[in-house]
PDB file of N, CA and C in Angstrom:
ATOM      1  N   THR A   1       0.841  -1.184   0.000  1.00  0.00           N
ATOM      2  CA  THR A   1       0.000   0.000   0.000  1.00  0.00           C
ATOM      3  C   THR A   1       0.882   1.242   0.000  1.00  0.00           C
ATOM      4  N   GLU A   2       0.504   2.201  -0.781  1.00  0.00           N
ATOM      5  CA  GLU A   2       1.270   3.441  -0.902  1.00  0.00           C
ATOM      6  C   GLU A   2       1.123   4.301   0.363  1.00  0.00           C
ATOM      7  N   PRO A   3       2.084   5.199   0.618  1.00  0.00           N
ATOM      8  CA  PRO A   3       2.052   6.016   1.827  1.00  0.00           C
ATOM      9  C   PRO A   3       0.867   6.978   1.921  1.00  0.00           C
ATOM     10  N   ASN A   4       0.216   7.256   0.793  1.00  0.00           N
ATOM     11  CA  ASN A   4      -0.930   8.171   0.825  1.00  0.00           C
ATOM     12  C   ASN A   4      -2.257   7.422   0.758  1.00  0.00           C
ATOM     13  N   GLN A   5      -2.210   6.086   0.757  1.00  0.00           N
ATOM     14  CA  GLN A   5      -3.428   5.281   0.670  1.00  0.00           C
ATOM     15  C   GLN A   5      -3.735   4.653   2.022  1.00  0.00           C
ATOM     16  N   LEU A   6      -4.919   4.949   2.530  1.00  0.00           N
ATOM     17  CA  LEU A   6      -5.361   4.383   3.794  1.00  0.00           C
ATOM     18  C   LEU A   6      -6.438   3.349   3.514  1.00  0.00           C
ATOM     19  N   SER A   7      -6.534   2.378   4.408  1.00  0.00           N
ATOM     20  CA  SER A   7      -7.565   1.358   4.288  1.00  0.00           C
ATOM     21  C   SER A   7      -8.175   1.131   5.661  1.00  0.00           C
ATOM     22  N   GLY A   8      -9.377   1.602   5.827  1.00  0.00           N
ATOM     23  CA  GLY A   8     -10.066   1.458   7.104  1.00  0.00           C
ATOM     24  C   GLY A   8      -9.504   2.333   8.204  1.00  0.00           C
ATOM     25  N   PRO A   9      -9.194   3.609   7.918  1.00  0.00           N
ATOM     26  CA  PRO A   9      -8.691   4.460   8.992  1.00  0.00           C
ATOM     27  C   PRO A   9      -9.759   4.611  10.075  1.00  0.00           C
ATOM     28  N   SER A  10      -9.336   4.512  11.332  1.00  0.00           N
ATOM     29  CA  SER A  10     -10.345   4.538  12.390  1.00  0.00           C
ATOM     30  C   SER A  10     -10.045   5.533  13.497  1.00  0.00           C
ATOM     31  N   GLY A  11      -8.817   5.903  13.698  1.00  0.00           N
ATOM     32  CA  GLY A  11      -8.493   6.848  14.757  1.00  0.00           C
ATOM     33  C   GLY A  11      -7.414   7.808  14.318  1.00  0.00           C
ATOM     34  N   ILE A  12      -7.496   9.036  14.827  1.00  0.00           N
ATOM     35  CA  ILE A  12      -6.488  10.048  14.500  1.00  0.00           C
ATOM     36  C   ILE A  12      -6.029  10.748  15.769  1.00  0.00           C
ATOM     37  N   PHE A  13      -4.860  11.355  15.667  1.00  0.00           N
ATOM     38  CA  PHE A  13      -4.337  12.228  16.716  1.00  0.00           C
ATOM     39  C   PHE A  13      -3.571  13.338  16.022  1.00  0.00           C
ATOM     40  N   ILE A  14      -3.731  14.563  16.490  1.00  0.00           N
ATOM     41  CA  ILE A  14      -3.002  15.718  15.948  1.00  0.00           C
ATOM     42  C   ILE A  14      -2.184  16.314  17.082  1.00  0.00           C
ATOM     43  N   ASP A  15      -0.856  16.427  16.870  1.00  0.00           N
ATOM     44  CA  ASP A  15       0.007  16.967  17.925  1.00  0.00           C
ATOM     45  C   ASP A  15       0.093  18.491  17.837  1.00  0.00           C
ATOM     46  N   THR A  16       0.901  19.090  18.682  1.00  0.00           N
ATOM     47  CA  THR A  16       0.996  20.551  18.760  1.00  0.00           C
ATOM     48  C   THR A  16       1.630  21.176  17.520  1.00  0.00           C
ATOM     49  N   ASN A  17       2.311  20.366  16.700  1.00  0.00           N
ATOM     50  CA  ASN A  17       2.887  20.850  15.440  1.00  0.00           C
ATOM     51  C   ASN A  17       1.946  20.612  14.266  1.00  0.00           C
ATOM     52  N   PHE A  18       0.719  20.184  14.556  1.00  0.00           N
ATOM     53  CA  PHE A  18      -0.297  19.851  13.555  1.00  0.00           C
ATOM     54  C   PHE A  18       0.097  18.654  12.700  1.00  0.00           C
ATOM     55  N   THR A  19       0.938  17.792  13.253  1.00  0.00           N
ATOM     56  CA  THR A  19       1.254  16.523  12.602  1.00  0.00           C
ATOM     57  C   THR A  19       0.085  15.580  12.868  1.00  0.00           C
ATOM     58  N   LEU A  20      -0.389  14.926  11.815  1.00  0.00           N
ATOM     59  CA  LEU A  20      -1.518  14.016  11.906  1.00  0.00           C
ATOM     60  C   LEU A  20      -1.025  12.582  11.985  1.00  0.00           C
ATOM     61  N   TYR A  21      -1.496  11.845  12.971  1.00  0.00           N
ATOM     62  CA  TYR A  21      -1.219  10.417  13.109  1.00  0.00           C
ATOM     63  C   TYR A  21      -2.525   9.681  12.851  1.00  0.00           C
ATOM     64  N   VAL A  22      -2.480   8.624  12.028  1.00  0.00           N
ATOM     65  CA  VAL A  22      -3.685   7.888  11.652  1.00  0.00           C
ATOM     66  C   VAL A  22      -3.506   6.407  11.965  1.00  0.00           C
ATOM     67  N   ALA A  23      -4.478   5.838  12.671  1.00  0.00           N
ATOM     68  CA  ALA A  23      -4.535   4.388  12.857  1.00  0.00           C
ATOM     69  C   ALA A  23      -5.141   3.811  11.582  1.00  0.00           C
ATOM     70  N   ASP A  24      -4.295   3.286  10.731  1.00  0.00           N
ATOM     71  CA  ASP A  24      -4.678   2.741   9.424  1.00  0.00           C
ATOM     72  C   ASP A  24      -4.998   1.255   9.619  1.00  0.00           C
ATOM     73  N   THR A  25      -6.202   0.995  10.098  1.00  0.00           N
ATOM     74  CA  THR A  25      -6.581  -0.310  10.627  1.00  0.00           C
ATOM     75  C   THR A  25      -6.343  -1.466   9.666  1.00  0.00           C
ATOM     76  N   SER A  26      -6.909  -1.418   8.487  1.00  0.00           N
ATOM     77  CA  SER A  26      -6.813  -2.562   7.565  1.00  0.00           C
ATOM     78  C   SER A  26      -5.406  -2.769   7.010  1.00  0.00           C
ATOM     79  N   ASN A  27      -4.595  -1.712   6.995  1.00  0.00           N
ATOM     80  CA  ASN A  27      -3.198  -1.849   6.573  1.00  0.00           C
ATOM     81  C   ASN A  27      -2.282  -2.215   7.735  1.00  0.00           C
ATOM     82  N   ARG A  28      -2.850  -2.295   8.948  1.00  0.00           N
ATOM     83  CA  ARG A  28      -2.122  -2.734  10.158  1.00  0.00           C
ATOM     84  C   ARG A  28      -0.893  -1.871  10.449  1.00  0.00           C
ATOM     85  N   ARG A  29      -1.104  -0.546  10.409  1.00  0.00           N
ATOM     86  CA  ARG A  29       0.014   0.366  10.627  1.00  0.00           C
ATOM     87  C   ARG A  29      -0.483   1.703  11.181  1.00  0.00           C
ATOM     88  N   ILE A  30       0.475   2.511  11.633  1.00  0.00           N
ATOM     89  CA  ILE A  30       0.221   3.892  12.041  1.00  0.00           C
ATOM     90  C   ILE A  30       0.970   4.776  11.060  1.00  0.00           C
ATOM     91  N   GLN A  31       0.249   5.718  10.449  1.00  0.00           N
ATOM     92  CA  GLN A  31       0.838   6.637   9.491  1.00  0.00           C
ATOM     93  C   GLN A  31       0.967   8.026  10.124  1.00  0.00           C
ATOM     94  N   LYS A  32       2.073   8.675   9.819  1.00  0.00           N
ATOM     95  CA  LYS A  32       2.355  10.029  10.304  1.00  0.00           C
ATOM     96  C   LYS A  32       2.395  10.964   9.099  1.00  0.00           C
ATOM     97  N   PHE A  33       1.570  12.015   9.155  1.00  0.00           N
ATOM     98  CA  PHE A  33       1.513  13.001   8.078  1.00  0.00           C
ATOM     99  C   PHE A  33       1.905  14.365   8.637  1.00  0.00           C
ATOM    100  N   PRO A  34       3.128  14.840   8.348  1.00  0.00           N
ATOM    101  CA  PRO A  34       3.491  16.189   8.780  1.00  0.00           C
ATOM    102  C   PRO A  34       2.525  17.209   8.166  1.00  0.00           C
ATOM    103  N   TYR A  35       2.356  18.314   8.833  1.00  0.00           N
ATOM    104  CA  TYR A  35       1.436  19.367   8.387  1.00  0.00           C
ATOM    105  C   TYR A  35       1.680  19.711   6.921  1.00  0.00           C
ATOM    106  N   GLY A  36       0.620  19.674   6.120  1.00  0.00           N
ATOM    107  CA  GLY A  36       0.693  20.047   4.713  1.00  0.00           C
ATOM    108  C   GLY A  36       1.138  18.945   3.769  1.00  0.00           C
ATOM    109  N   GLU A  37       1.516  17.796   4.290  1.00  0.00           N
ATOM    110  CA  GLU A  37       1.988  16.696   3.444  1.00  0.00           C
ATOM    111  C   GLU A  37       0.847  15.750   3.085  1.00  0.00           C
ATOM    112  N   LYS A  38       0.882  15.213   1.872  1.00  0.00           N
ATOM    113  CA  LYS A  38      -0.124  14.258   1.426  1.00  0.00           C
ATOM    114  C   LYS A  38       0.338  12.817   1.571  1.00  0.00           C
ATOM    115  N   ASN A  39       1.650  12.617   1.653  1.00  0.00           N
ATOM    116  CA  ASN A  39       2.198  11.284   1.831  1.00  0.00           C
ATOM    117  C   ASN A  39       2.617  11.093   3.270  1.00  0.00           C
ATOM    118  N   GLY A  40       2.216   9.956   3.828  1.00  0.00           N
ATOM    119  CA  GLY A  40       2.561   9.658   5.201  1.00  0.00           C
ATOM    120  C   GLY A  40       3.785   8.777   5.296  1.00  0.00           C
ATOM    121  N   THR A  41       4.282   8.648   6.514  1.00  0.00           N
ATOM    122  CA  THR A  41       5.383   7.760   6.835  1.00  0.00           C
ATOM    123  C   THR A  41       4.859   6.745   7.835  1.00  0.00           C
ATOM    124  N   THR A  42       5.163   5.488   7.617  1.00  0.00           N
ATOM    125  CA  THR A  42       4.746   4.459   8.559  1.00  0.00           C
ATOM    126  C   THR A  42       5.668   4.493   9.762  1.00  0.00           C
ATOM    127  N   VAL A  43       5.095   4.747  10.937  1.00  0.00           N
ATOM    128  CA  VAL A  43       5.906   4.850  12.150  1.00  0.00           C
ATOM    129  C   VAL A  43       5.741   3.648  13.072  1.00  0.00           C
ATOM    130  N   ALA A  44       4.732   2.822  12.834  1.00  0.00           N
ATOM    131  CA  ALA A  44       4.549   1.597  13.615  1.00  0.00           C
ATOM    132  C   ALA A  44       3.738   0.612  12.789  1.00  0.00           C
ATOM    133  N   GLY A  45       4.058  -0.662  12.953  1.00  0.00           N
ATOM    134  CA  GLY A  45       3.310  -1.703  12.265  1.00  0.00           C
ATOM    135  C   GLY A  45       3.902  -2.094  10.926  1.00  0.00           C
ATOM    136  N   ALA A  46       3.044  -2.612  10.053  1.00  0.00           N
ATOM    137  CA  ALA A  46       3.467  -3.151   8.758  1.00  0.00           C
ATOM    138  C   ALA A  46       4.222  -2.115   7.931  1.00  0.00           C
ATOM    139  N   GLY A  47       5.443  -2.464   7.545  1.00  0.00           N
ATOM    140  CA  GLY A  47       6.243  -1.590   6.705  1.00  0.00           C
ATOM    141  C   GLY A  47       7.183  -0.653   7.445  1.00  0.00           C
ATOM    142  N   ALA A  48       7.119  -0.644   8.762  1.00  0.00           N
ATOM    143  CA  ALA A  48       8.016   0.218   9.547  1.00  0.00           C
ATOM    144  C   ALA A  48       9.127  -0.650  10.138  1.00  0.00           C
ATOM    145  N   PRO A  49      10.355  -0.458   9.686  1.00  0.00           N
ATOM    146  CA  PRO A  49      11.451  -1.281  10.212  1.00  0.00           C
ATOM    147  C   PRO A  49      11.676  -1.024  11.709  1.00  0.00           C
ATOM    148  N   GLY A  50      11.935  -2.103  12.423  1.00  0.00           N
ATOM    149  CA  GLY A  50      12.272  -1.990  13.838  1.00  0.00           C
ATOM    150  C   GLY A  50      11.094  -1.779  14.768  1.00  0.00           C
ATOM    151  N   THR A  51       9.869  -1.978  14.285  1.00  0.00           N
ATOM    152  CA  THR A  51       8.708  -1.845  15.163  1.00  0.00           C
ATOM    153  C   THR A  51       7.982  -3.181  15.258  1.00  0.00           C
ATOM    154  N   ILE A  52       6.995  -3.230  16.101  1.00  0.00           N
ATOM    155  CA  ILE A  52       6.221  -4.451  16.294  1.00  0.00           C
ATOM    156  C   ILE A  52       5.143  -4.584  15.229  1.00  0.00           C
ATOM    157  N   SER A  53       4.603  -5.771  15.093  1.00  0.00           N
ATOM    158  CA  SER A  53       3.456  -5.989  14.229  1.00  0.00           C
ATOM    159  C   SER A  53       2.206  -5.527  14.952  1.00  0.00           C
ATOM    160  N   LEU A  54       1.289  -4.948  14.211  1.00  0.00           N
ATOM    161  CA  LEU A  54       0.029  -4.503  14.786  1.00  0.00           C
ATOM    162  C   LEU A  54      -1.106  -5.318  14.195  1.00  0.00           C
ATOM    163  N   SER A  55      -2.091  -5.606  15.026  1.00  0.00           N
ATOM    164  CA  SER A  55      -3.257  -6.359  14.593  1.00  0.00           C
ATOM    165  C   SER A  55      -4.494  -5.480  14.758  1.00  0.00           C
ATOM    166  N   LEU A  56      -4.904  -4.878  13.662  1.00  0.00           N
ATOM    167  CA  LEU A  56      -6.062  -3.986  13.627  1.00  0.00           C
ATOM    168  C   LEU A  56      -5.948  -2.815  14.603  1.00  0.00           C
ATOM    169  N   PRO A  57      -4.925  -1.968  14.426  1.00  0.00           N
ATOM    170  CA  PRO A  57      -4.830  -0.778  15.277  1.00  0.00           C
ATOM    171  C   PRO A  57      -6.073   0.089  15.088  1.00  0.00           C
ATOM    172  N   HIS A  58      -6.628   0.543  16.178  1.00  0.00           N
ATOM    173  CA  HIS A  58      -7.917   1.233  16.111  1.00  0.00           C
ATOM    174  C   HIS A  58      -7.839   2.705  16.502  1.00  0.00           C
ATOM    175  N   SER A  59      -7.081   3.025  17.523  1.00  0.00           N
ATOM    176  CA  SER A  59      -6.953   4.424  17.935  1.00  0.00           C
ATOM    177  C   SER A  59      -5.553   4.668  18.453  1.00  0.00           C
ATOM    178  N   ILE A  60      -5.221   5.951  18.520  1.00  0.00           N
ATOM    179  CA  ILE A  60      -3.856   6.347  18.843  1.00  0.00           C
ATOM    180  C   ILE A  60      -3.877   7.662  19.605  1.00  0.00           C
ATOM    181  N   VAL A  61      -2.916   7.796  20.518  1.00  0.00           N
ATOM    182  CA  VAL A  61      -2.724   9.052  21.234  1.00  0.00           C
ATOM    183  C   VAL A  61      -1.235   9.181  21.554  1.00  0.00           C
ATOM    184  N   LEU A  62      -0.738  10.396  21.575  1.00  0.00           N
ATOM    185  CA  LEU A  62       0.625  10.659  22.020  1.00  0.00           C
ATOM    186  C   LEU A  62       0.538  11.424  23.327  1.00  0.00           C
ATOM    187  N   ASP A  63       1.371  11.041  24.296  1.00  0.00           N
ATOM    188  CA  ASP A  63       1.369  11.772  25.565  1.00  0.00           C
ATOM    189  C   ASP A  63       2.298  12.982  25.475  1.00  0.00           C
ATOM    190  N   GLY A  64       2.402  13.744  26.546  1.00  0.00           N
ATOM    191  CA  GLY A  64       3.195  14.972  26.568  1.00  0.00           C
ATOM    192  C   GLY A  64       4.677  14.762  26.336  1.00  0.00           C
ATOM    193  N   ASN A  65       5.158  13.529  26.522  1.00  0.00           N
ATOM    194  CA  ASN A  65       6.570  13.222  26.300  1.00  0.00           C
ATOM    195  C   ASN A  65       6.832  12.600  24.935  1.00  0.00           C
ATOM    196  N   GLY A  66       5.799  12.477  24.115  1.00  0.00           N
ATOM    197  CA  GLY A  66       5.963  11.946  22.774  1.00  0.00           C
ATOM    198  C   GLY A  66       5.824  10.443  22.664  1.00  0.00           C
ATOM    199  N   TYR A  67       5.381   9.779  23.732  1.00  0.00           N
ATOM    200  CA  TYR A  67       5.162   8.341  23.653  1.00  0.00           C
ATOM    201  C   TYR A  67       3.814   8.058  23.015  1.00  0.00           C
ATOM    202  N   MET A  68       3.792   7.112  22.087  1.00  0.00           N
ATOM    203  CA  MET A  68       2.596   6.751  21.358  1.00  0.00           C
ATOM    204  C   MET A  68       1.916   5.567  22.044  1.00  0.00           C
ATOM    205  N   LEU A  69       0.618   5.677  22.241  1.00  0.00           N
ATOM    206  CA  LEU A  69      -0.177   4.580  22.780  1.00  0.00           C
ATOM    207  C   LEU A  69      -1.186   4.182  21.717  1.00  0.00           C
ATOM    208  N   ILE A  70      -1.179   2.901  21.370  1.00  0.00           N
ATOM    209  CA  ILE A  70      -2.008   2.387  20.282  1.00  0.00           C
ATOM    210  C   ILE A  70      -2.957   1.334  20.844  1.00  0.00           C
ATOM    211  N   VAL A  71      -4.241   1.488  20.557  1.00  0.00           N
ATOM    212  CA  VAL A  71      -5.233   0.484  20.941  1.00  0.00           C
ATOM    213  C   VAL A  71      -5.401  -0.466  19.764  1.00  0.00           C
ATOM    214  N   GLU A  72      -5.197  -1.760  20.033  1.00  0.00           N
ATOM    215  CA  GLU A  72      -5.339  -2.788  19.008  1.00  0.00           C
ATOM    216  C   GLU A  72      -6.598  -3.610  19.255  1.00  0.00           C
ATOM    217  N   LEU A  73      -7.430  -3.716  18.239  1.00  0.00           N
ATOM    218  CA  LEU A  73      -8.626  -4.553  18.351  1.00  0.00           C
ATOM    219  C   LEU A  73      -8.287  -6.031  18.184  1.00  0.00           C
ATOM    220  N   GLY A  74      -7.392  -6.332  17.247  1.00  0.00           N
ATOM    221  CA  GLY A  74      -7.084  -7.728  16.933  1.00  0.00           C
ATOM    222  C   GLY A  74      -6.405  -8.487  18.054  1.00  0.00           C
ATOM    223  N   SER A  75      -5.561  -7.808  18.834  1.00  0.00           N
ATOM    224  CA  SER A  75      -4.835  -8.473  19.925  1.00  0.00           C
ATOM    225  C   SER A  75      -5.381  -8.121  21.302  1.00  0.00           C
ATOM    226  N   HIS A  76      -6.388  -7.261  21.339  1.00  0.00           N
ATOM    227  CA  HIS A  76      -7.006  -6.861  22.613  1.00  0.00           C
ATOM    228  C   HIS A  76      -5.961  -6.333  23.597  1.00  0.00           C
ATOM    229  N   ARG A  77      -5.181  -5.345  23.132  1.00  0.00           N
ATOM    230  CA  ARG A  77      -4.133  -4.783  23.985  1.00  0.00           C
ATOM    231  C   ARG A  77      -3.904  -3.321  23.661  1.00  0.00           C
ATOM    232  N   ILE A  78      -3.131  -2.676  24.526  1.00  0.00           N
ATOM    233  CA  ILE A  78      -2.658  -1.311  24.303  1.00  0.00           C
ATOM    234  C   ILE A  78      -1.144  -1.406  24.196  1.00  0.00           C
ATOM    235  N   VAL A  79      -0.606  -0.854  23.118  1.00  0.00           N
ATOM    236  CA  VAL A  79       0.831  -0.904  22.838  1.00  0.00           C
ATOM    237  C   VAL A  79       1.417   0.474  23.044  1.00  0.00           C
ATOM    238  N   ALA A  80       2.568   0.535  23.710  1.00  0.00           N
ATOM    239  CA  ALA A  80       3.272   1.809  23.902  1.00  0.00           C
ATOM    240  C   ALA A  80       4.534   1.802  23.048  1.00  0.00           C
ATOM    241  N   SER A  81       4.833   2.937  22.437  1.00  0.00           N
ATOM    242  CA  SER A  81       5.996   3.065  21.582  1.00  0.00           C
ATOM    243  C   SER A  81       6.483   4.495  21.629  1.00  0.00           C
ATOM    244  N   GLY A  82       7.775   4.697  21.388  1.00  0.00           N
ATOM    245  CA  GLY A  82       8.235   6.073  21.291  1.00  0.00           C
ATOM    246  C   GLY A  82       9.510   6.310  22.072  1.00  0.00           C
ATOM    247  N   PRO A  83       9.826   7.535  22.347  1.00  0.00           N
ATOM    248  CA  PRO A  83       9.088   8.760  21.989  1.00  0.00           C
ATOM    249  C   PRO A  83       9.282   9.153  20.522  1.00  0.00           C
ATOM    250  N   TRP A  84       8.324   9.921  20.005  1.00  0.00           N
ATOM    251  CA  TRP A  84       8.338  10.380  18.626  1.00  0.00           C
ATOM    252  C   TRP A  84       8.674  11.823  18.629  1.00  0.00           C
TER     253      TRP A  84
END
């Protein structure tokens, strides 16, 4: 899947720099879109080197220190990653 193609997006988070993070559920990844960009970068899940596999990521939030928390429907867990 291309960096600008989402499949089943279900959750978003926007940080203080207006960077958009998308839980791209059907593609099993988290995409990061810097402000004004149309192409995202995979920061967790399928296609991101050095990260864990995700099973139906559903929602995402970043805390004040830049740590990402991902809710997974497929594995019934919350995954922490970061800081970003």
